[in-house]
């Protein structure tokens, strides 16, 4: 499994546009084959920071995602929306278990 955690600080004036774009990308990404989950949330301390958590079955699913039209649209629009450097980390996960609370 591949997990991606990405943080995008967006410009205050672009927040609504960014939120709409991120919601669209998340919705379309969750429909892709091989995508386990794809979520976007707003940071509780700063509502101009968006956090992506993406889960893919394998390398093929991840690669296919980067070739979709909605990913291309995100990559094209993102530089104009950012207020700082994004932080993107990929995790290659060999096993995962649920945690009981």
N, C-alpha and C. Protein backbone atom coordinates (compact mmCIF):
# COMPACT_ATOMS: atom_id res chain seq x y z
N UNK A 1 0.86 -1.18 0.00
CA UNK A 1 0.00 0.00 0.00
C UNK A 1 0.90 1.24 0.00
N UNK A 2 0.45 2.25 -0.67
CA UNK A 2 1.13 3.55 -0.69
C UNK A 2 0.23 4.56 -0.01
N UNK A 3 0.79 5.33 0.91
CA UNK A 3 0.07 6.40 1.58
C UNK A 3 0.80 7.70 1.30
N UNK A 4 0.07 8.71 0.93
CA UNK A 4 0.63 10.05 0.70
C UNK A 4 -0.02 11.01 1.67
N UNK A 5 0.81 11.79 2.34
CA UNK A 5 0.32 12.88 3.20
C UNK A 5 0.87 14.17 2.62
N UNK A 6 -0.02 15.07 2.26
CA UNK A 6 0.39 16.34 1.65
C UNK A 6 -0.25 17.51 2.38
N UNK A 7 0.51 18.56 2.56
CA UNK A 7 0.02 19.77 3.19
C UNK A 7 0.20 20.92 2.22
N UNK A 8 -0.89 21.64 1.97
CA UNK A 8 -0.86 22.76 1.04
C UNK A 8 -1.34 24.04 1.72
N UNK A 9 -0.43 25.00 1.95
CA UNK A 9 -0.86 26.31 2.47
C UNK A 9 -1.34 27.16 1.29
N UNK A 10 -2.58 27.62 1.35
CA UNK A 10 -3.11 28.39 0.23
C UNK A 10 -3.27 29.86 0.62
N UNK A 11 -3.22 30.70 -0.39
CA UNK A 11 -3.41 32.13 -0.21
C UNK A 11 -4.82 32.40 0.32
N UNK A 12 -4.93 33.31 1.25
CA UNK A 12 -6.24 33.63 1.85
C UNK A 12 -7.26 33.99 0.78
N UNK A 13 -6.86 34.77 -0.21
CA UNK A 13 -7.79 35.20 -1.26
C UNK A 13 -8.20 34.04 -2.18
N UNK A 14 -7.44 32.96 -2.17
CA UNK A 14 -7.73 31.81 -3.04
C UNK A 14 -8.35 30.64 -2.29
N UNK A 15 -8.66 30.84 -1.02
CA UNK A 15 -9.12 29.73 -0.19
C UNK A 15 -10.36 29.04 -0.74
N UNK A 16 -11.37 29.80 -1.14
CA UNK A 16 -12.61 29.21 -1.64
C UNK A 16 -12.36 28.44 -2.93
N UNK A 17 -11.61 29.03 -3.83
CA UNK A 17 -11.29 28.34 -5.09
C UNK A 17 -10.51 27.05 -4.81
N UNK A 18 -9.55 27.13 -3.90
CA UNK A 18 -8.76 25.94 -3.55
C UNK A 18 -9.65 24.86 -2.94
N UNK A 19 -10.50 25.25 -2.01
CA UNK A 19 -11.39 24.28 -1.36
C UNK A 19 -12.29 23.59 -2.37
N UNK A 20 -12.82 24.33 -3.31
CA UNK A 20 -13.68 23.74 -4.34
C UNK A 20 -12.89 22.77 -5.23
N UNK A 21 -11.70 23.18 -5.63
CA UNK A 21 -10.85 22.33 -6.46
C UNK A 21 -10.46 21.06 -5.71
N UNK A 22 -10.05 21.20 -4.46
CA UNK A 22 -9.63 20.04 -3.66
C UNK A 22 -10.79 19.07 -3.45
N UNK A 23 -11.98 19.59 -3.21
CA UNK A 23 -13.15 18.73 -3.03
C UNK A 23 -13.45 17.95 -4.31
N UNK A 24 -13.36 18.62 -5.45
CA UNK A 24 -13.60 17.97 -6.73
C UNK A 24 -12.57 16.86 -6.99
N UNK A 25 -11.31 17.18 -6.73
CA UNK A 25 -10.24 16.19 -6.95
C UNK A 25 -10.43 14.99 -6.02
N UNK A 26 -10.75 15.23 -4.77
CA UNK A 26 -10.95 14.13 -3.82
C UNK A 26 -12.11 13.24 -4.26
N UNK A 27 -13.22 13.85 -4.64
CA UNK A 27 -14.39 13.08 -5.06
C UNK A 27 -14.06 12.20 -6.27
N UNK A 28 -13.41 12.77 -7.26
CA UNK A 28 -13.07 12.02 -8.47
C UNK A 28 -12.01 10.96 -8.19
N UNK A 29 -11.07 11.28 -7.32
CA UNK A 29 -10.00 10.33 -7.01
C UNK A 29 -10.54 9.10 -6.30
N UNK A 30 -11.51 9.27 -5.42
CA UNK A 30 -12.09 8.13 -4.71
C UNK A 30 -12.78 7.15 -5.65
N UNK A 31 -13.10 7.56 -6.85
CA UNK A 31 -13.75 6.69 -7.83
C UNK A 31 -12.75 5.86 -8.64
N UNK A 32 -11.48 6.16 -8.51
CA UNK A 32 -10.45 5.48 -9.31
C UNK A 32 -10.21 4.06 -8.82
N UNK A 33 -9.94 3.16 -9.77
CA UNK A 33 -9.54 1.81 -9.40
C UNK A 33 -8.22 1.88 -8.64
N UNK A 34 -8.12 1.13 -7.57
CA UNK A 34 -6.88 1.07 -6.81
C UNK A 34 -6.71 2.14 -5.76
N UNK A 35 -7.65 3.08 -5.70
CA UNK A 35 -7.61 4.09 -4.64
C UNK A 35 -8.40 3.54 -3.46
N UNK A 36 -7.73 3.37 -2.33
CA UNK A 36 -8.38 2.87 -1.12
C UNK A 36 -9.17 4.00 -0.47
N UNK A 37 -8.53 5.16 -0.36
CA UNK A 37 -9.20 6.33 0.22
C UNK A 37 -8.44 7.57 -0.20
N UNK A 38 -9.15 8.69 -0.22
CA UNK A 38 -8.55 9.97 -0.64
C UNK A 38 -9.34 11.06 0.07
N UNK A 39 -8.73 11.67 1.06
CA UNK A 39 -9.42 12.66 1.88
C UNK A 39 -8.66 13.97 1.93
N UNK A 40 -9.40 15.06 2.01
CA UNK A 40 -8.83 16.39 2.17
C UNK A 40 -9.50 17.03 3.37
N UNK A 41 -8.70 17.58 4.26
CA UNK A 41 -9.23 18.25 5.43
C UNK A 41 -8.58 19.61 5.62
N UNK A 42 -9.22 20.42 6.42
CA UNK A 42 -8.70 21.75 6.74
C UNK A 42 -8.03 21.67 8.11
N UNK A 43 -6.86 22.24 8.22
CA UNK A 43 -6.14 22.26 9.49
C UNK A 43 -6.96 23.00 10.55
N UNK A 44 -7.07 22.44 11.75
CA UNK A 44 -7.87 23.07 12.79
C UNK A 44 -7.24 24.35 13.33
N UNK A 45 -5.94 24.52 13.13
CA UNK A 45 -5.26 25.71 13.62
C UNK A 45 -5.15 26.83 12.58
N UNK A 46 -5.33 26.47 11.31
CA UNK A 46 -5.17 27.46 10.23
C UNK A 46 -6.03 27.03 9.05
N UNK A 47 -7.13 27.73 8.82
CA UNK A 47 -8.07 27.30 7.78
C UNK A 47 -7.60 27.61 6.36
N UNK A 48 -6.37 28.06 6.21
CA UNK A 48 -5.80 28.20 4.86
C UNK A 48 -4.80 27.08 4.58
N UNK A 49 -4.73 26.10 5.46
CA UNK A 49 -3.87 24.94 5.27
C UNK A 49 -4.75 23.72 5.05
N UNK A 50 -4.53 23.05 3.94
CA UNK A 50 -5.29 21.85 3.59
C UNK A 50 -4.37 20.65 3.66
N UNK A 51 -4.90 19.56 4.22
CA UNK A 51 -4.13 18.32 4.38
C UNK A 51 -4.80 17.20 3.58
N UNK A 52 -4.01 16.57 2.75
CA UNK A 52 -4.47 15.43 1.95
C UNK A 52 -3.92 14.15 2.57
N UNK A 53 -4.77 13.13 2.67
CA UNK A 53 -4.34 11.79 3.04
C UNK A 53 -4.87 10.87 1.95
N UNK A 54 -3.94 10.25 1.23
CA UNK A 54 -4.28 9.42 0.09
C UNK A 54 -3.76 8.00 0.33
N UNK A 55 -4.58 7.01 -0.02
CA UNK A 55 -4.17 5.61 0.12
C UNK A 55 -4.41 4.89 -1.20
N UNK A 56 -3.36 4.20 -1.66
CA UNK A 56 -3.42 3.48 -2.93
C UNK A 56 -3.06 2.01 -2.70
N UNK A 57 -3.68 1.12 -3.46
CA UNK A 57 -3.39 -0.30 -3.32
C UNK A 57 -1.94 -0.62 -3.66
N UNK A 58 -1.41 0.04 -4.71
CA UNK A 58 -0.07 -0.30 -5.17
C UNK A 58 0.49 0.81 -6.06
N UNK A 59 1.68 0.57 -6.56
CA UNK A 59 2.37 1.54 -7.40
C UNK A 59 1.59 1.85 -8.67
N UNK A 60 0.97 0.84 -9.24
CA UNK A 60 0.20 1.03 -10.46
C UNK A 60 -0.97 1.99 -10.23
N UNK A 61 -1.67 1.84 -9.12
CA UNK A 61 -2.79 2.73 -8.80
C UNK A 61 -2.30 4.16 -8.59
N UNK A 62 -1.17 4.29 -7.90
CA UNK A 62 -0.60 5.62 -7.67
C UNK A 62 -0.22 6.27 -9.00
N UNK A 63 0.48 5.52 -9.85
CA UNK A 63 0.89 6.05 -11.15
C UNK A 63 -0.32 6.42 -12.01
N UNK A 64 -1.35 5.59 -12.00
CA UNK A 64 -2.56 5.88 -12.78
C UNK A 64 -3.22 7.16 -12.29
N UNK A 65 -3.23 7.36 -10.99
CA UNK A 65 -3.82 8.58 -10.43
C UNK A 65 -3.14 9.82 -10.99
N UNK A 66 -1.81 9.78 -11.09
CA UNK A 66 -1.08 10.97 -11.56
C UNK A 66 -1.29 11.26 -13.04
N UNK A 67 -1.95 10.35 -13.75
CA UNK A 67 -2.22 10.53 -15.18
C UNK A 67 -3.67 10.96 -15.45
N UNK A 68 -4.48 11.14 -14.42
CA UNK A 68 -5.89 11.48 -14.61
C UNK A 68 -6.06 12.97 -14.94
N UNK A 69 -7.14 13.32 -15.62
CA UNK A 69 -7.42 14.73 -15.90
C UNK A 69 -7.57 15.58 -14.64
N UNK A 70 -8.19 15.04 -13.59
CA UNK A 70 -8.38 15.84 -12.38
C UNK A 70 -7.05 16.08 -11.66
N UNK A 71 -6.12 15.13 -11.70
CA UNK A 71 -4.80 15.38 -11.14
C UNK A 71 -4.08 16.44 -11.96
N UNK A 72 -4.21 16.36 -13.28
CA UNK A 72 -3.59 17.36 -14.15
C UNK A 72 -4.13 18.76 -13.88
N UNK A 73 -5.43 18.86 -13.66
CA UNK A 73 -6.04 20.15 -13.34
C UNK A 73 -5.49 20.68 -12.02
N UNK A 74 -5.37 19.80 -11.02
CA UNK A 74 -4.80 20.20 -9.74
C UNK A 74 -3.37 20.69 -9.91
N UNK A 75 -2.56 19.94 -10.62
CA UNK A 75 -1.16 20.32 -10.83
C UNK A 75 -1.04 21.65 -11.57
N UNK A 76 -1.96 21.91 -12.49
CA UNK A 76 -1.94 23.16 -13.25
C UNK A 76 -2.35 24.37 -12.40
N UNK A 77 -3.38 24.20 -11.58
CA UNK A 77 -3.92 25.32 -10.80
C UNK A 77 -3.18 25.58 -9.49
N UNK A 78 -2.59 24.55 -8.92
CA UNK A 78 -2.01 24.64 -7.59
C UNK A 78 -0.99 25.77 -7.41
N UNK A 79 -0.05 25.97 -8.32
CA UNK A 79 0.94 27.04 -8.10
C UNK A 79 0.32 28.42 -7.90
N UNK A 80 -0.79 28.69 -8.56
CA UNK A 80 -1.45 30.00 -8.41
C UNK A 80 -2.22 30.14 -7.10
N UNK A 81 -2.47 29.04 -6.42
CA UNK A 81 -3.26 29.05 -5.19
C UNK A 81 -2.41 29.05 -3.92
N UNK A 82 -1.18 28.61 -4.04
CA UNK A 82 -0.33 28.43 -2.87
C UNK A 82 0.16 29.72 -2.26
N UNK A 83 0.30 29.69 -0.92
CA UNK A 83 0.87 30.81 -0.17
C UNK A 83 2.23 30.42 0.41
N UNK A 84 2.67 29.23 0.12
CA UNK A 84 3.95 28.74 0.62
C UNK A 84 4.26 27.42 -0.02
N UNK A 85 5.34 26.82 0.42
CA UNK A 85 5.77 25.55 -0.14
C UNK A 85 4.90 24.40 0.36
N UNK A 86 4.47 23.54 -0.54
CA UNK A 86 3.75 22.34 -0.10
C UNK A 86 4.72 21.36 0.55
N UNK A 87 4.18 20.49 1.37
CA UNK A 87 4.96 19.43 2.01
C UNK A 87 4.27 18.12 1.66
N UNK A 88 4.95 17.27 0.90
CA UNK A 88 4.35 16.02 0.43
C UNK A 88 5.28 14.87 0.82
N UNK A 89 4.71 13.88 1.52
CA UNK A 89 5.47 12.71 1.95
C UNK A 89 4.76 11.45 1.49
N UNK A 90 5.54 10.54 0.91
CA UNK A 90 5.01 9.25 0.48
C UNK A 90 5.52 8.17 1.43
N UNK A 91 4.61 7.29 1.83
CA UNK A 91 4.95 6.16 2.69
C UNK A 91 4.66 4.87 1.93
N UNK A 92 5.62 3.98 1.87
CA UNK A 92 5.41 2.65 1.31
C UNK A 92 5.16 1.72 2.50
N UNK A 93 3.92 1.24 2.61
CA UNK A 93 3.47 0.51 3.80
C UNK A 93 3.37 -0.98 3.48
N UNK A 94 4.05 -1.80 4.28
CA UNK A 94 3.99 -3.23 4.09
C UNK A 94 2.85 -3.88 4.83
N UNK A 95 2.46 -3.29 5.97
CA UNK A 95 1.32 -3.83 6.71
C UNK A 95 0.67 -2.71 7.50
N UNK A 96 -0.60 -2.89 7.80
CA UNK A 96 -1.35 -1.91 8.58
C UNK A 96 -2.42 -2.65 9.37
N UNK A 97 -2.69 -2.18 10.57
CA UNK A 97 -3.74 -2.78 11.38
C UNK A 97 -4.58 -1.67 11.99
N UNK A 98 -5.83 -1.99 12.26
CA UNK A 98 -6.71 -1.03 12.92
C UNK A 98 -6.27 -0.85 14.37
N UNK A 99 -6.45 0.33 14.89
CA UNK A 99 -6.12 0.62 16.28
C UNK A 99 -7.44 0.77 17.04
N UNK A 100 -7.59 0.00 18.09
CA UNK A 100 -8.80 0.11 18.91
C UNK A 100 -8.65 1.27 19.88
N UNK A 101 -9.70 2.06 19.99
CA UNK A 101 -9.69 3.20 20.92
C UNK A 101 -10.50 2.90 22.14
